[in-house]
Protein backbone atom coordinates (compact mmCIF):
# COMPACT_ATOMS: atom_id res chain seq x y z
CA MET A 1 45.06 -29.88 31.44
CA PRO A 2 41.60 -30.69 31.52
CA GLN A 3 40.37 -34.40 32.75
CA ALA A 4 38.99 -36.93 29.96
CA LEU A 5 35.60 -37.84 31.01
CA PRO A 6 34.84 -41.02 32.88
CA LYS A 7 33.99 -43.65 29.32
CA PRO A 8 30.53 -43.89 29.87
CA LEU A 9 30.18 -40.52 30.04
CA GLN A 10 32.09 -39.92 26.26
CA SER A 11 28.31 -41.27 24.46
CA PRO A 12 25.11 -39.29 25.13
CA LYS A 13 23.82 -42.67 24.40
CA TRP A 14 23.05 -43.05 28.80
CA ALA A 15 21.42 -39.69 28.99
CA ILE A 16 19.39 -40.24 25.98
CA VAL A 17 17.96 -44.00 27.36
CA ALA A 18 17.66 -41.98 31.50
CA ALA A 19 15.87 -38.90 30.09
CA VAL A 20 13.64 -41.17 28.01
CA LEU A 21 13.16 -43.87 31.12
CA LEU A 22 12.25 -41.50 33.57
CA SER A 23 10.04 -39.39 31.41
CA LEU A 24 8.30 -43.24 30.64
CA VAL A 25 8.11 -44.32 34.45
CA VAL A 26 6.11 -40.44 35.52
CA TYR A 27 4.13 -39.95 32.65
CA TRP A 28 2.94 -44.02 32.18
CA PRO A 29 0.13 -44.53 34.72
CA SER A 30 -2.22 -41.70 32.47
CA LEU A 31 -2.86 -43.93 30.33
CA GLY A 32 -5.56 -44.86 32.99
CA TYR A 33 -7.11 -41.54 33.06
CA GLU A 34 -9.51 -40.57 31.35
CA PHE A 35 -9.26 -36.56 29.71
CA VAL A 36 -9.62 -33.31 31.41
CA TYR A 37 -10.14 -29.65 31.29
CA ASP A 38 -10.77 -28.86 27.58
CA ASP A 39 -9.83 -32.01 26.33
CA ALA A 40 -13.47 -33.84 27.35
CA THR A 41 -14.84 -31.38 24.66
CA ILE A 42 -11.85 -30.52 22.37
CA ILE A 43 -11.22 -34.39 22.36
CA GLY A 44 -14.41 -36.39 23.41
CA THR A 45 -17.34 -33.71 22.36
CA ASP A 46 -15.99 -32.48 19.14
CA GLU A 47 -18.04 -33.65 15.87
CA ARG A 48 -15.31 -31.80 13.03
CA LEU A 49 -13.27 -34.07 13.98
CA ASP A 50 -14.88 -37.10 12.89
CA ASP A 51 -15.12 -35.04 9.10
CA PRO A 52 -12.56 -36.41 6.67
CA ALA A 53 -12.43 -32.93 5.71
CA PHE A 54 -11.36 -31.71 8.44
CA GLY A 55 -7.66 -31.98 8.09
CA TYR A 56 -7.26 -29.76 5.85
CA LYS A 57 -9.73 -26.94 7.36
CA VAL A 58 -8.12 -27.22 10.62
CA TRP A 59 -5.14 -25.49 8.66
CA VAL A 60 -7.21 -22.01 6.98
CA ALA A 61 -9.71 -21.74 9.91
CA PRO A 62 -10.08 -20.78 13.45
CA TRP A 63 -10.98 -23.87 15.94
CA TRP A 64 -13.24 -22.29 17.92
CA PRO A 65 -16.23 -20.69 16.84
CA LYS A 66 -17.10 -16.93 16.00
CA GLY A 67 -18.25 -14.44 18.63
CA SER A 68 -16.39 -17.11 21.37
CA VAL A 69 -14.72 -15.62 24.04
CA ALA A 70 -11.35 -16.91 22.28
CA PRO A 71 -11.56 -16.93 18.41
CA ALA A 72 -7.85 -18.31 18.21
CA SER A 73 -6.44 -21.54 16.32
CA ARG A 74 -3.92 -23.91 16.62
CA PRO A 75 -2.90 -26.04 13.76
CA LEU A 76 -0.64 -27.93 14.81
CA THR A 77 -2.80 -29.29 18.03
CA SER A 78 -6.04 -29.80 15.90
CA PHE A 79 -4.54 -31.46 12.83
CA SER A 80 -2.92 -33.88 15.43
CA PHE A 81 -6.24 -34.20 17.28
CA TRP A 82 -8.11 -35.10 13.81
CA VAL A 83 -5.17 -37.33 12.67
CA GLN A 84 -5.81 -39.48 16.46
CA VAL A 85 -9.54 -39.78 16.22
CA GLN A 86 -9.67 -40.83 12.45
CA LEU A 87 -6.52 -43.68 13.64
CA HIS A 88 -8.12 -44.84 16.83
CA GLY A 89 -11.24 -43.17 17.80
CA ARG A 90 -11.54 -40.89 20.79
CA HIS A 91 -9.82 -43.84 22.97
CA GLU A 92 -8.16 -41.53 26.19
CA ALA A 93 -5.14 -44.45 26.31
CA ALA A 94 -4.70 -44.09 22.94
CA PHE A 95 -4.32 -40.25 23.14
CA HIS A 96 -2.25 -40.24 26.22
CA PHE A 97 0.02 -43.02 24.51
CA VAL A 98 0.43 -40.52 21.78
CA ASN A 99 1.35 -38.26 24.20
CA ILE A 100 3.74 -40.65 26.10
CA ALA A 101 5.75 -41.43 22.74
CA LEU A 102 6.27 -37.49 21.46
CA PHE A 103 7.06 -36.60 25.61
CA ALA A 104 10.16 -39.58 26.10
CA ALA A 105 11.08 -38.63 21.96
CA LEU A 106 11.57 -34.78 22.96
CA SER A 107 13.42 -35.79 26.78
CA GLY A 108 15.46 -38.27 24.97
CA ALA A 109 16.14 -34.96 22.49
CA VAL A 110 17.06 -32.44 25.02
CA ALA A 111 18.99 -34.83 26.88
CA TRP A 112 21.93 -35.64 23.36
CA LEU A 113 20.90 -31.89 23.03
CA THR A 114 22.51 -30.84 26.40
CA TRP A 115 25.28 -33.52 26.07
CA ARG A 116 26.27 -31.88 22.82
CA TRP A 117 26.62 -28.51 24.15
CA LEU A 118 28.47 -29.77 26.86
């Protein structure tokens, strides 16, 4: 006969809270960091992000200019960059805060799904 789970483990809320808090503790220091790698170029200097019409263009055109090594498109990421520049400019801490919040939410969702499946 299988044993019942201890009372705290019968609800996913503790796993969700733990996952969210752990992700916040680990990534909170990034609020003081600058942009790195391609973020310095893509977010820091790309003037297209200032254009109010670029929010539409990002869905229908490649991100990199023609003739570049990697003419790829990443519309959801590019759109989120555009939205953030429209909302709060190019402040590194604001971009990092959004990333931390998204990661914390995702961590909570993964904890909930894991609890649900087990």
